[in-house]
Amino acid sequence: MVSFKYQQSYMLRVIQLFVILVLLIVSTSFVISNEQLANCDNLKIDTIIQRTTDGLDNGSVDILVSGGEEPYSFTWYGEKRNKGIDNREVANQSALRKGKYLLVVVDATNCVEKVDIEIE
C-alpha cells in the first residue's frame, strides 16, 4: 500500500509540473505577441490622391501597402454624404466625392494600420 506521505509528494510534483507547463505556454505566447508587434511597426500605407475636378465625383485614391504580411484586407469608411464607399474591401478607389475617408488595412497577422484621406 502507498503511504500518505508519498501520495502528497506525488501530487505536489504533479502540481509543480502543471505550473511550469502553464508558465511555458504563457511565456511562449508573450514572445509571439512581441514578434507580431515588431512586424506591425513595418506595416505602412502610402497614398496617391487625385483631386476632383469641376465639382464632379471623379476623385481617386491609389493605395500602396508595404511591410506586414500578405494578404491584406482593406476597409473603407466615408462620410454619409459619400455614398457607396462604406466597407468595400478593395485597395484603390475611384469616382469619389469631395470629402474625408478612412482606410483601415489589416494584414495576415492582424496588424492594423489606418490612414485618413481627404479628397479636395
PDB file of N, CA and C in Angstrom:
ATOM      1  N   MET A   1       0.841  -1.161   0.000  1.00  0.00           N
ATOM      2  CA  MET A   1       0.000   0.000   0.000  1.00  0.00           C
ATOM      3  C   MET A   1       0.901   1.244   0.000  1.00  0.00           C
ATOM      4  N   VAL A   2       0.492   2.286  -0.746  1.00  0.00           N
ATOM      5  CA  VAL A   2       1.259   3.511  -0.868  1.00  0.00           C
ATOM      6  C   VAL A   2       1.001   4.386   0.347  1.00  0.00           C
ATOM      7  N   SER A   3       2.060   4.959   0.857  1.00  0.00           N
ATOM      8  CA  SER A   3       1.903   5.784   2.048  1.00  0.00           C
ATOM      9  C   SER A   3       1.276   7.132   1.698  1.00  0.00           C
ATOM     10  N   PHE A   4       0.647   7.706   2.700  1.00  0.00           N
ATOM     11  CA  PHE A   4       0.005   9.003   2.539  1.00  0.00           C
ATOM     12  C   PHE A   4       1.043  10.077   2.198  1.00  0.00           C
ATOM     13  N   LYS A   5       2.198   9.998   2.816  1.00  0.00           N
ATOM     14  CA  LYS A   5       3.269  10.956   2.573  1.00  0.00           C
ATOM     15  C   LYS A   5       3.730  10.896   1.115  1.00  0.00           C
ATOM     16  N   TYR A   6       3.819   9.684   0.567  1.00  0.00           N
ATOM     17  CA  TYR A   6       4.217   9.518  -0.827  1.00  0.00           C
ATOM     18  C   TYR A   6       3.170  10.118  -1.755  1.00  0.00           C
ATOM     19  N   GLN A   7       1.889   9.923  -1.469  1.00  0.00           N
ATOM     20  CA  GLN A   7       0.809  10.472  -2.287  1.00  0.00           C
ATOM     21  C   GLN A   7       0.866  11.998  -2.300  1.00  0.00           C
ATOM     22  N   GLN A   8       1.140  12.592  -1.138  1.00  0.00           N
ATOM     23  CA  GLN A   8       1.247  14.042  -1.070  1.00  0.00           C
ATOM     24  C   GLN A   8       2.415  14.535  -1.915  1.00  0.00           C
ATOM     25  N   SER A   9       3.544  13.864  -1.821  1.00  0.00           N
ATOM     26  CA  SER A   9       4.733  14.240  -2.573  1.00  0.00           C
ATOM     27  C   SER A   9       4.460  14.121  -4.075  1.00  0.00           C
ATOM     28  N   TYR A  10       3.808  13.059  -4.475  1.00  0.00           N
ATOM     29  CA  TYR A  10       3.468  12.844  -5.883  1.00  0.00           C
ATOM     30  C   TYR A  10       2.541  13.955  -6.387  1.00  0.00           C
ATOM     31  N   MET A  11       1.518  14.284  -5.632  1.00  0.00           N
ATOM     32  CA  MET A  11       0.570  15.326  -6.017  1.00  0.00           C
ATOM     33  C   MET A  11       1.264  16.685  -6.099  1.00  0.00           C
ATOM     34  N   LEU A  12       2.175  16.955  -5.189  1.00  0.00           N
ATOM     35  CA  LEU A  12       2.918  18.207  -5.208  1.00  0.00           C
ATOM     36  C   LEU A  12       3.745  18.313  -6.489  1.00  0.00           C
ATOM     37  N   ARG A  13       4.380  17.213  -6.883  1.00  0.00           N
ATOM     38  CA  ARG A  13       5.175  17.210  -8.121  1.00  0.00           C
ATOM     39  C   ARG A  13       4.285  17.418  -9.345  1.00  0.00           C
ATOM     40  N   VAL A  14       3.118  16.815  -9.371  1.00  0.00           N
ATOM     41  CA  VAL A  14       2.194  16.987 -10.491  1.00  0.00           C
ATOM     42  C   VAL A  14       1.768  18.456 -10.591  1.00  0.00           C
ATOM     43  N   ILE A  15       1.471  19.073  -9.463  1.00  0.00           N
ATOM     44  CA  ILE A  15       1.076  20.480  -9.442  1.00  0.00           C
ATOM     45  C   ILE A  15       2.237  21.357  -9.907  1.00  0.00           C
ATOM     46  N   GLN A  16       3.454  21.069  -9.470  1.00  0.00           N
ATOM     47  CA  GLN A  16       4.610  21.846  -9.887  1.00  0.00           C
ATOM     48  C   GLN A  16       4.819  21.749 -11.405  1.00  0.00           C
ATOM     49  N   LEU A  17       4.695  20.539 -11.940  1.00  0.00           N
ATOM     50  CA  LEU A  17       4.852  20.364 -13.381  1.00  0.00           C
ATOM     51  C   LEU A  17       3.760  21.111 -14.152  1.00  0.00           C
ATOM     52  N   PHE A  18       2.555  21.098 -13.631  1.00  0.00           N
ATOM     53  CA  PHE A  18       1.460  21.818 -14.262  1.00  0.00           C
ATOM     54  C   PHE A  18       1.745  23.328 -14.289  1.00  0.00           C
ATOM     55  N   VAL A  19       2.222  23.863 -13.182  1.00  0.00           N
ATOM     56  CA  VAL A  19       2.542  25.295 -13.104  1.00  0.00           C
ATOM     57  C   VAL A  19       3.658  25.644 -14.091  1.00  0.00           C
ATOM     58  N   ILE A  20       4.673  24.801 -14.180  1.00  0.00           N
ATOM     59  CA  ILE A  20       5.770  25.038 -15.119  1.00  0.00           C
ATOM     60  C   ILE A  20       5.253  25.025 -16.556  1.00  0.00           C
ATOM     61  N   LEU A  21       4.385  24.075 -16.867  1.00  0.00           N
ATOM     62  CA  LEU A  21       3.810  23.986 -18.199  1.00  0.00           C
ATOM     63  C   LEU A  21       3.004  25.244 -18.534  1.00  0.00           C
ATOM     64  N   VAL A  22       2.198  25.708 -17.614  1.00  0.00           N
ATOM     65  CA  VAL A  22       1.406  26.921 -17.827  1.00  0.00           C
ATOM     66  C   VAL A  22       2.326  28.118 -18.040  1.00  0.00           C
ATOM     67  N   LEU A  23       3.370  28.235 -17.252  1.00  0.00           N
ATOM     68  CA  LEU A  23       4.315  29.344 -17.405  1.00  0.00           C
ATOM     69  C   LEU A  23       5.017  29.303 -18.760  1.00  0.00           C
ATOM     70  N   LEU A  24       5.373  28.121 -19.223  1.00  0.00           N
ATOM     71  CA  LEU A  24       5.992  27.988 -20.546  1.00  0.00           C
ATOM     72  C   LEU A  24       5.039  28.420 -21.651  1.00  0.00           C
ATOM     73  N   ILE A  25       3.799  28.012 -21.551  1.00  0.00           N
ATOM     74  CA  ILE A  25       2.805  28.387 -22.565  1.00  0.00           C
ATOM     75  C   ILE A  25       2.605  29.900 -22.571  1.00  0.00           C
ATOM     76  N   VAL A  26       2.466  30.486 -21.405  1.00  0.00           N
ATOM     77  CA  VAL A  26       2.258  31.934 -21.311  1.00  0.00           C
ATOM     78  C   VAL A  26       3.468  32.689 -21.845  1.00  0.00           C
ATOM     79  N   SER A  27       4.670  32.275 -21.481  1.00  0.00           N
ATOM     80  CA  SER A  27       5.862  32.991 -21.940  1.00  0.00           C
ATOM     81  C   SER A  27       6.041  32.838 -23.448  1.00  0.00           C
ATOM     82  N   THR A  28       5.719  31.679 -24.013  1.00  0.00           N
ATOM     83  CA  THR A  28       5.799  31.486 -25.457  1.00  0.00           C
ATOM     84  C   THR A  28       4.797  32.389 -26.157  1.00  0.00           C
ATOM     85  N   SER A  29       3.592  32.494 -25.629  1.00  0.00           N
ATOM     86  CA  SER A  29       2.585  33.373 -26.211  1.00  0.00           C
ATOM     87  C   SER A  29       3.046  34.812 -26.168  1.00  0.00           C
ATOM     88  N   PHE A  30       3.691  35.209 -25.106  1.00  0.00           N
ATOM     89  CA  PHE A  30       4.176  36.582 -24.972  1.00  0.00           C
ATOM     90  C   PHE A  30       5.250  36.870 -26.008  1.00  0.00           C
ATOM     91  N   VAL A  31       6.132  35.917 -26.248  1.00  0.00           N
ATOM     92  CA  VAL A  31       7.181  36.104 -27.244  1.00  0.00           C
ATOM     93  C   VAL A  31       6.562  36.246 -28.628  1.00  0.00           C
ATOM     94  N   ILE A  32       5.589  35.435 -28.954  1.00  0.00           N
ATOM     95  CA  ILE A  32       4.918  35.533 -30.248  1.00  0.00           C
ATOM     96  C   ILE A  32       4.255  36.900 -30.375  1.00  0.00           C
ATOM     97  N   SER A  33       3.620  37.356 -29.318  1.00  0.00           N
ATOM     98  CA  SER A  33       2.965  38.654 -29.360  1.00  0.00           C
ATOM     99  C   SER A  33       3.978  39.770 -29.587  1.00  0.00           C
ATOM    100  N   ASN A  34       5.137  39.687 -28.947  1.00  0.00           N
ATOM    101  CA  ASN A  34       6.157  40.711 -29.153  1.00  0.00           C
ATOM    102  C   ASN A  34       6.670  40.699 -30.587  1.00  0.00           C
ATOM    103  N   GLU A  35       6.864  39.517 -31.164  1.00  0.00           N
ATOM    104  CA  GLU A  35       7.297  39.426 -32.554  1.00  0.00           C
ATOM    105  C   GLU A  35       6.242  40.018 -33.472  1.00  0.00           C
ATOM    106  N   GLN A  36       4.987  39.721 -33.193  1.00  0.00           N
ATOM    107  CA  GLN A  36       3.905  40.251 -34.007  1.00  0.00           C
ATOM    108  C   GLN A  36       3.879  41.775 -33.915  1.00  0.00           C
ATOM    109  N   LEU A  37       4.074  42.313 -32.719  1.00  0.00           N
ATOM    110  CA  LEU A  37       4.094  43.764 -32.564  1.00  0.00           C
ATOM    111  C   LEU A  37       5.241  44.377 -33.342  1.00  0.00           C
ATOM    112  N   ALA A  38       6.370  43.720 -33.349  1.00  0.00           N
ATOM    113  CA  ALA A  38       7.511  44.232 -34.113  1.00  0.00           C
ATOM    114  C   ALA A  38       7.171  44.267 -35.595  1.00  0.00           C
ATOM    115  N   ASN A  39       6.483  43.227 -36.104  1.00  0.00           N
ATOM    116  CA  ASN A  39       6.073  43.205 -37.502  1.00  0.00           C
ATOM    117  C   ASN A  39       5.041  44.278 -37.799  1.00  0.00           C
ATOM    118  N   CYS A  40       4.205  44.611 -36.815  1.00  0.00           N
ATOM    119  CA  CYS A  40       3.186  45.636 -37.022  1.00  0.00           C
ATOM    120  C   CYS A  40       3.824  46.994 -37.276  1.00  0.00           C
ATOM    121  N   ASP A  41       4.983  47.240 -36.702  1.00  0.00           N
ATOM    122  CA  ASP A  41       5.666  48.508 -36.939  1.00  0.00           C
ATOM    123  C   ASP A  41       6.051  48.665 -38.404  1.00  0.00           C
ATOM    124  N   ASN A  42       6.181  47.564 -39.126  1.00  0.00           N
ATOM    125  CA  ASN A  42       6.600  47.608 -40.520  1.00  0.00           C
ATOM    126  C   ASN A  42       5.448  47.851 -41.492  1.00  0.00           C
ATOM    127  N   LEU A  43       4.203  47.725 -41.049  1.00  0.00           N
ATOM    128  CA  LEU A  43       3.054  47.888 -41.926  1.00  0.00           C
ATOM    129  C   LEU A  43       2.850  49.378 -42.215  1.00  0.00           C
ATOM    130  N   LYS A  44       2.952  49.760 -43.477  1.00  0.00           N
ATOM    131  CA  LYS A  44       2.851  51.167 -43.882  1.00  0.00           C
ATOM    132  C   LYS A  44       1.886  51.309 -45.056  1.00  0.00           C
ATOM    133  N   ILE A  45       1.208  52.452 -45.106  1.00  0.00           N
ATOM    134  CA  ILE A  45       0.295  52.762 -46.199  1.00  0.00           C
ATOM    135  C   ILE A  45       0.746  54.070 -46.847  1.00  0.00           C
ATOM    136  N   ASP A  46       0.932  54.041 -48.154  1.00  0.00           N
ATOM    137  CA  ASP A  46       1.193  55.255 -48.918  1.00  0.00           C
ATOM    138  C   ASP A  46       0.001  55.476 -49.842  1.00  0.00           C
ATOM    139  N   THR A  47      -0.335  56.746 -50.066  1.00  0.00           N
ATOM    140  CA  THR A  47      -1.490  57.062 -50.904  1.00  0.00           C
ATOM    141  C   THR A  47      -1.091  58.010 -52.028  1.00  0.00           C
ATOM    142  N   ILE A  48      -1.749  57.840 -53.160  1.00  0.00           N
ATOM    143  CA  ILE A  48      -1.661  58.776 -54.275  1.00  0.00           C
ATOM    144  C   ILE A  48      -3.082  59.260 -54.510  1.00  0.00           C
ATOM    145  N   ILE A  49      -3.311  60.547 -54.269  1.00  0.00           N
ATOM    146  CA  ILE A  49      -4.664  61.095 -54.306  1.00  0.00           C
ATOM    147  C   ILE A  49      -4.840  61.953 -55.556  1.00  0.00           C
ATOM    148  N   GLN A  50      -5.925  61.691 -56.264  1.00  0.00           N
ATOM    149  CA  GLN A  50      -6.315  62.505 -57.416  1.00  0.00           C
ATOM    150  C   GLN A  50      -7.515  63.337 -57.003  1.00  0.00           C
ATOM    151  N   ARG A  51      -7.394  64.647 -57.061  1.00  0.00           N
ATOM    152  CA  ARG A  51      -8.465  65.557 -56.661  1.00  0.00           C
ATOM    153  C   ARG A  51      -9.654  65.479 -57.618  1.00  0.00           C
ATOM    154  N   THR A  52     -10.811  65.927 -57.132  1.00  0.00           N
ATOM    155  CA  THR A  52     -11.981  66.036 -58.006  1.00  0.00           C
ATOM    156  C   THR A  52     -11.797  67.250 -58.906  1.00  0.00           C
ATOM    157  N   THR A  53     -12.452  67.230 -60.052  1.00  0.00           N
ATOM    158  CA  THR A  53     -12.393  68.382 -60.953  1.00  0.00           C
ATOM    159  C   THR A  53     -13.799  68.887 -61.221  1.00  0.00           C
ATOM    160  N   ASP A  54     -13.944  70.176 -61.218  1.00  0.00           N
ATOM    161  CA  ASP A  54     -15.211  70.845 -61.547  1.00  0.00           C
ATOM    162  C   ASP A  54     -16.386  70.333 -60.713  1.00  0.00           C
ATOM    163  N   GLY A  55     -16.131  69.970 -59.448  1.00  0.00           N
ATOM    164  CA  GLY A  55     -17.212  69.528 -58.569  1.00  0.00           C
ATOM    165  C   GLY A  55     -17.776  68.160 -58.906  1.00  0.00           C
ATOM    166  N   LEU A  56     -17.116  67.415 -59.761  1.00  0.00           N
ATOM    167  CA  LEU A  56     -17.599  66.084 -60.146  1.00  0.00           C
ATOM    168  C   LEU A  56     -17.148  65.038 -59.127  1.00  0.00           C
ATOM    169  N   ASP A  57     -17.787  63.879 -59.152  1.00  0.00           N
ATOM    170  CA  ASP A  57     -17.399  62.757 -58.283  1.00  0.00           C
ATOM    171  C   ASP A  57     -16.349  61.915 -59.004  1.00  0.00           C
ATOM    172  N   ASN A  58     -15.192  62.523 -59.249  1.00  0.00           N
ATOM    173  CA  ASN A  58     -14.164  61.819 -60.004  1.00  0.00           C
ATOM    174  C   ASN A  58     -12.815  61.796 -59.291  1.00  0.00           C
ATOM    175  N   GLY A  59     -12.825  61.944 -57.964  1.00  0.00           N
ATOM    176  CA  GLY A  59     -11.593  61.807 -57.199  1.00  0.00           C
ATOM    177  C   GLY A  59     -11.192  60.339 -57.121  1.00  0.00           C
ATOM    178  N   SER A  60      -9.929  60.095 -56.865  1.00  0.00           N
ATOM    179  CA  SER A  60      -9.495  58.700 -56.739  1.00  0.00           C
ATOM    180  C   SER A  60      -8.323  58.609 -55.768  1.00  0.00           C
ATOM    181  N   VAL A  61      -8.129  57.408 -55.259  1.00  0.00           N
ATOM    182  CA  VAL A  61      -7.024  57.131 -54.350  1.00  0.00           C
ATOM    183  C   VAL A  61      -6.400  55.798 -54.750  1.00  0.00           C
ATOM    184  N   ASP A  62      -5.094  55.804 -54.965  1.00  0.00           N
ATOM    185  CA  ASP A  62      -4.339  54.570 -55.180  1.00  0.00           C
ATOM    186  C   ASP A  62      -3.582  54.278 -53.897  1.00  0.00           C
ATOM    187  N   ILE A  63      -3.621  53.036 -53.470  1.00  0.00           N
ATOM    188  CA  ILE A  63      -3.034  52.621 -52.201  1.00  0.00           C
ATOM    189  C   ILE A  63      -1.821  51.735 -52.457  1.00  0.00           C
ATOM    190  N   LEU A  64      -0.747  52.032 -51.760  1.00  0.00           N
ATOM    191  CA  LEU A  64       0.463  51.211 -51.802  1.00  0.00           C
ATOM    192  C   LEU A  64       0.759  50.753 -50.379  1.00  0.00           C
ATOM    193  N   VAL A  65       0.670  49.456 -50.137  1.00  0.00           N
ATOM    194  CA  VAL A  65       0.916  48.902 -48.810  1.00  0.00           C
ATOM    195  C   VAL A  65       2.258  48.195 -48.818  1.00  0.00           C
ATOM    196  N   SER A  66       3.055  48.442 -47.766  1.00  0.00           N
ATOM    197  CA  SER A  66       4.334  47.761 -47.628  1.00  0.00           C
ATOM    198  C   SER A  66       4.459  47.241 -46.204  1.00  0.00           C
ATOM    199  N   GLY A  67       5.314  46.238 -46.046  1.00  0.00           N
ATOM    200  CA  GLY A  67       5.520  45.646 -44.727  1.00  0.00           C
ATOM    201  C   GLY A  67       4.378  44.724 -44.354  1.00  0.00           C
ATOM    202  N   GLY A  68       4.404  44.273 -43.113  1.00  0.00           N
ATOM    203  CA  GLY A  68       3.380  43.331 -42.671  1.00  0.00           C
ATOM    204  C   GLY A  68       3.456  42.044 -43.468  1.00  0.00           C
ATOM    205  N   GLU A  69       2.372  41.270 -43.415  1.00  0.00           N
ATOM    206  CA  GLU A  69       2.321  40.004 -44.152  1.00  0.00           C
ATOM    207  C   GLU A  69       1.067  39.946 -44.997  1.00  0.00           C
ATOM    208  N   GLU A  70       1.238  39.619 -46.271  1.00  0.00           N
ATOM    209  CA  GLU A  70       0.090  39.444 -47.159  1.00  0.00           C
ATOM    210  C   GLU A  70      -0.661  38.183 -46.776  1.00  0.00           C
ATOM    211  N   PRO A  71      -1.937  38.085 -47.065  1.00  0.00           N
ATOM    212  CA  PRO A  71      -2.759  39.054 -47.780  1.00  0.00           C
ATOM    213  C   PRO A  71      -3.236  40.165 -46.856  1.00  0.00           C
ATOM    214  N   TYR A  72      -3.578  41.297 -47.463  1.00  0.00           N
ATOM    215  CA  TYR A  72      -4.103  42.439 -46.733  1.00  0.00           C
ATOM    216  C   TYR A  72      -5.609  42.525 -46.980  1.00  0.00           C
ATOM    217  N   SER A  73      -6.337  43.028 -45.992  1.00  0.00           N
ATOM    218  CA  SER A  73      -7.741  43.366 -46.232  1.00  0.00           C
ATOM    219  C   SER A  73      -7.881  44.872 -46.091  1.00  0.00           C
ATOM    220  N   PHE A  74      -8.755  45.448 -46.905  1.00  0.00           N
ATOM    221  CA  PHE A  74      -8.949  46.891 -46.958  1.00  0.00           C
ATOM    222  C   PHE A  74     -10.403  47.200 -46.643  1.00  0.00           C
ATOM    223  N   THR A  75     -10.617  48.089 -45.693  1.00  0.00           N
ATOM    224  CA  THR A  75     -11.972  48.524 -45.380  1.00  0.00           C
ATOM    225  C   THR A  75     -11.999  50.044 -45.427  1.00  0.00           C
ATOM    226  N   TRP A  76     -12.898  50.560 -46.236  1.00  0.00           N
ATOM    227  CA  TRP A  76     -13.042  51.999 -46.432  1.00  0.00           C
ATOM    228  C   TRP A  76     -14.255  52.502 -45.688  1.00  0.00           C
ATOM    229  N   TYR A  77     -14.125  53.681 -45.106  1.00  0.00           N
ATOM    230  CA  TYR A  77     -15.255  54.356 -44.468  1.00  0.00           C
ATOM    231  C   TYR A  77     -15.287  55.780 -45.006  1.00  0.00           C
ATOM    232  N   GLY A  78     -16.488  56.258 -45.325  1.00  0.00           N
ATOM    233  CA  GLY A  78     -16.634  57.617 -45.829  1.00  0.00           C
ATOM    234  C   GLY A  78     -17.709  58.359 -45.072  1.00  0.00           C
ATOM    235  N   GLU A  79     -17.749  59.670 -45.281  1.00  0.00           N
ATOM    236  CA  GLU A  79     -18.799  60.470 -44.673  1.00  0.00           C
ATOM    237  C   GLU A  79     -20.136  60.038 -45.263  1.00  0.00           C
ATOM    238  N   LYS A  80     -21.226  60.280 -44.546  1.00  0.00           N
ATOM    239  CA  LYS A  80     -22.542  59.835 -45.012  1.00  0.00           C
ATOM    240  C   LYS A  80     -22.885  60.394 -46.384  1.00  0.00           C
ATOM    241  N   ARG A  81     -22.418  61.600 -46.692  1.00  0.00           N
ATOM    242  CA  ARG A  81     -22.748  62.168 -47.993  1.00  0.00           C
ATOM    243  C   ARG A  81     -21.991  61.488 -49.128  1.00  0.00           C
ATOM    244  N   ASN A  82     -20.992  60.690 -48.774  1.00  0.00           N
ATOM    245  CA  ASN A  82     -20.210  59.964 -49.778  1.00  0.00           C
ATOM    246  C   ASN A  82     -20.754  58.549 -49.887  1.00  0.00           C
ATOM    247  N   LYS A  83     -21.811  58.391 -50.618  1.00  0.00           N
ATOM    248  CA  LYS A  83     -22.486  57.092 -50.695  1.00  0.00           C
ATOM    249  C   LYS A  83     -21.667  56.090 -51.495  1.00  0.00           C
ATOM    250  N   GLY A  84     -21.853  54.826 -51.184  1.00  0.00           N
ATOM    251  CA  GLY A  84     -21.267  53.762 -51.977  1.00  0.00           C
ATOM    252  C   GLY A  84     -19.836  53.399 -51.638  1.00  0.00           C
ATOM    253  N   ILE A  85     -19.282  53.924 -50.554  1.00  0.00           N
ATOM    254  CA  ILE A  85     -17.881  53.625 -50.239  1.00  0.00           C
ATOM    255  C   ILE A  85     -17.749  52.749 -49.005  1.00  0.00           C
ATOM    256  N   ASP A  86     -18.740  52.715 -48.145  1.00  0.00           N
ATOM    257  CA  ASP A  86     -18.621  52.027 -46.862  1.00  0.00           C
ATOM    258  C   ASP A  86     -18.286  50.548 -47.019  1.00  0.00           C
ATOM    259  N   ASN A  87     -17.249  50.140 -46.307  1.00  0.00           N
ATOM    260  CA  ASN A  87     -16.869  48.741 -46.140  1.00  0.00           C
ATOM    261  C   ASN A  87     -16.483  47.995 -47.420  1.00  0.00           C
ATOM    262  N   ARG A  88     -16.050  48.684 -48.446  1.00  0.00           N
ATOM    263  CA  ARG A  88     -15.554  47.969 -49.619  1.00  0.00           C
ATOM    264  C   ARG A  88     -14.187  47.393 -49.297  1.00  0.00           C
ATOM    265  N   GLU A  89     -13.995  46.149 -49.638  1.00  0.00           N
ATOM    266  CA  GLU A  89     -12.706  45.515 -49.346  1.00  0.00           C
ATOM    267  C   GLU A  89     -11.807  45.514 -50.583  1.00  0.00           C
ATOM    268  N   VAL A  90     -11.557  46.700 -51.103  1.00  0.00           N
ATOM    269  CA  VAL A  90     -10.631  46.854 -52.219  1.00  0.00           C
ATOM    270  C   VAL A  90      -9.642  47.959 -51.872  1.00  0.00           C
ATOM    271  N   ALA A  91      -8.466  47.895 -52.457  1.00  0.00           N
ATOM    272  CA  ALA A  91      -7.424  48.860 -52.108  1.00  0.00           C
ATOM    273  C   ALA A  91      -7.684  50.215 -52.744  1.00  0.00           C
ATOM    274  N   ASN A  92      -7.764  50.266 -54.056  1.00  0.00           N
ATOM    275  CA  ASN A  92      -7.879  51.537 -54.765  1.00  0.00           C
ATOM    276  C   ASN A  92      -9.344  51.924 -54.926  1.00  0.00           C
ATOM    277  N   GLN A  93      -9.603  53.224 -54.895  1.00  0.00           N
ATOM    278  CA  GLN A  93     -10.966  53.717 -55.046  1.00  0.00           C
ATOM    279  C   GLN A  93     -10.999  54.788 -56.125  1.00  0.00           C
ATOM    280  N   SER A  94     -12.116  54.842 -56.853  1.00  0.00           N
ATOM    281  CA  SER A  94     -12.300  55.887 -57.858  1.00  0.00           C
ATOM    282  C   SER A  94     -13.741  56.380 -57.768  1.00  0.00           C
ATOM    283  N   ALA A  95     -14.056  57.395 -58.557  1.00  0.00           N
ATOM    284  CA  ALA A  95     -15.385  58.013 -58.566  1.00  0.00           C
ATOM    285  C   ALA A  95     -15.763  58.509 -57.165  1.00  0.00           C
ATOM    286  N   LEU A  96     -14.795  59.108 -56.484  1.00  0.00           N
ATOM    287  CA  LEU A  96     -15.033  59.594 -55.130  1.00  0.00           C
ATOM    288  C   LEU A  96     -15.485  61.044 -55.138  1.00  0.00           C
ATOM    289  N   ARG A  97     -16.378  61.339 -54.204  1.00  0.00           N
ATOM    290  CA  ARG A  97     -16.800  62.719 -53.982  1.00  0.00           C
ATOM    291  C   ARG A  97     -15.771  63.432 -53.115  1.00  0.00           C
ATOM    292  N   LYS A  98     -15.828  64.737 -53.164  1.00  0.00           N
ATOM    293  CA  LYS A  98     -15.009  65.546 -52.266  1.00  0.00           C
ATOM    294  C   LYS A  98     -15.410  65.192 -50.841  1.00  0.00           C
ATOM    295  N   GLY A  99     -14.421  64.967 -49.960  1.00  0.00           N
ATOM    296  CA  GLY A  99     -14.736  64.642 -48.574  1.00  0.00           C
ATOM    297  C   GLY A  99     -13.613  63.894 -47.887  1.00  0.00           C
ATOM    298  N   LYS A 100     -13.918  63.454 -46.670  1.00  0.00           N
ATOM    299  CA  LYS A 100     -12.943  62.744 -45.842  1.00  0.00           C
ATOM    300  C   LYS A 100     -13.283  61.261 -45.791  1.00  0.00           C
ATOM    301  N   TYR A 101     -12.216  60.446 -45.819  1.00  0.00           N
ATOM    302  CA  TYR A 101     -12.351  58.998 -45.803  1.00  0.00           C
ATOM    303  C   TYR A 101     -11.363  58.407 -44.810  1.00  0.00           C
ATOM    304  N   LEU A 102     -11.672  57.207 -44.367  1.00  0.00           N
ATOM    305  CA  LEU A 102     -10.763  56.456 -43.501  1.00  0.00           C
ATOM    306  C   LEU A 102     -10.542  55.103 -44.146  1.00  0.00           C
ATOM    307  N   LEU A 103      -9.282  54.719 -44.283  1.00  0.00           N
ATOM    308  CA  LEU A 103      -8.924  53.397 -44.790  1.00  0.00           C
ATOM    309  C   LEU A 103      -8.275  52.622 -43.658  1.00  0.00           C
ATOM    310  N   VAL A 104      -8.772  51.400 -43.425  1.00  0.00           N
ATOM    311  CA  VAL A 104      -8.199  50.506 -42.427  1.00  0.00           C
ATOM    312  C   VAL A 104      -7.649  49.293 -43.161  1.00  0.00           C
ATOM    313  N   VAL A 105      -6.355  49.034 -42.969  1.00  0.00           N
ATOM    314  CA  VAL A 105      -5.690  47.887 -43.588  1.00  0.00           C
ATOM    315  C   VAL A 105      -5.312  46.911 -42.484  1.00  0.00           C
ATOM    316  N   VAL A 106      -5.665  45.639 -42.683  1.00  0.00           N
ATOM    317  CA  VAL A 106      -5.310  44.580 -41.739  1.00  0.00           C
ATOM    318  C   VAL A 106      -4.529  43.533 -42.508  1.00  0.00           C
ATOM    319  N   ASP A 107      -3.369  43.125 -41.946  1.00  0.00           N
ATOM    320  CA  ASP A 107      -2.577  42.111 -42.635  1.00  0.00           C
ATOM    321  C   ASP A 107      -2.898  40.718 -42.102  1.00  0.00           C
ATOM    322  N   ALA A 108      -2.186  39.723 -42.601  1.00  0.00           N
ATOM    323  CA  ALA A 108      -2.455  38.320 -42.255  1.00  0.00           C
ATOM    324  C   ALA A 108      -2.227  38.009 -40.783  1.00  0.00           C
ATOM    325  N   THR A 109      -1.423  38.831 -40.088  1.00  0.00           N
ATOM    326  CA  THR A 109      -1.162  38.588 -38.665  1.00  0.00           C
ATOM    327  C   THR A 109      -2.016  39.490 -37.773  1.00  0.00           C
ATOM    328  N   ASN A 110      -3.030  40.118 -38.383  1.00  0.00           N
ATOM    329  CA  ASN A 110      -3.967  41.014 -37.687  1.00  0.00           C
ATOM    330  C   ASN A 110      -3.343  42.327 -37.221  1.00  0.00           C
ATOM    331  N   CYS A 111      -2.253  42.726 -37.849  1.00  0.00           N
ATOM    332  CA  CYS A 111      -1.730  44.066 -37.602  1.00  0.00           C
ATOM    333  C   CYS A 111      -2.642  45.051 -38.326  1.00  0.00           C
ATOM    334  N   VAL A 112      -2.885  46.198 -37.693  1.00  0.00           N
ATOM    335  CA  VAL A 112      -3.815  47.182 -38.233  1.00  0.00           C
ATOM    336  C   VAL A 112      -3.097  48.504 -38.450  1.00  0.00           C
ATOM    337  N   GLU A 113      -3.322  49.095 -39.605  1.00  0.00           N
ATOM    338  CA  GLU A 113      -2.823  50.435 -39.897  1.00  0.00           C
ATOM    339  C   GLU A 113      -3.990  51.232 -40.481  1.00  0.00           C
ATOM    340  N   LYS A 114      -4.122  52.486 -40.061  1.00  0.00           N
ATOM    341  CA  LYS A 114      -5.209  53.346 -40.521  1.00  0.00           C
ATOM    342  C   LYS A 114      -4.622  54.591 -41.147  1.00  0.00           C
ATOM    343  N   VAL A 115      -5.346  55.139 -42.130  1.00  0.00           N
ATOM    344  CA  VAL A 115      -4.924  56.399 -42.734  1.00  0.00           C
ATOM    345  C   VAL A 115      -6.181  57.223 -43.055  1.00  0.00           C
ATOM    346  N   ASP A 116      -6.118  58.505 -42.689  1.00  0.00           N
ATOM    347  CA  ASP A 116      -7.168  59.452 -43.033  1.00  0.00           C
ATOM    348  C   ASP A 116      -6.840  60.040 -44.388  1.00  0.00           C
ATOM    349  N   ILE A 117      -7.840  60.114 -45.251  1.00  0.00           N
ATOM    350  CA  ILE A 117      -7.647  60.611 -46.609  1.00  0.00           C
ATOM    351  C   ILE A 117      -8.677  61.687 -46.865  1.00  0.00           C
ATOM    352  N   GLU A 118      -8.231  62.786 -47.449  1.00  0.00           N
ATOM    353  CA  GLU A 118      -9.166  63.853 -47.811  1.00  0.00           C
ATOM    354  C   GLU A 118      -9.084  64.111 -49.303  1.00  0.00           C
ATOM    355  N   ILE A 119     -10.233  64.022 -49.966  1.00  0.00           N
ATOM    356  CA  ILE A 119     -10.334  64.330 -51.378  1.00  0.00           C
ATOM    357  C   ILE A 119     -10.808  65.766 -51.489  1.00  0.00           C
ATOM    358  N   GLU A 120     -10.073  66.579 -52.195  1.00  0.00           N
ATOM    359  CA  GLU A 120     -10.443  68.000 -52.358  1.00  0.00           C
ATOM    360  C   GLU A 120     -11.060  68.231 -53.707  1.00  0.00           C
TER     361      GLU A 120
END
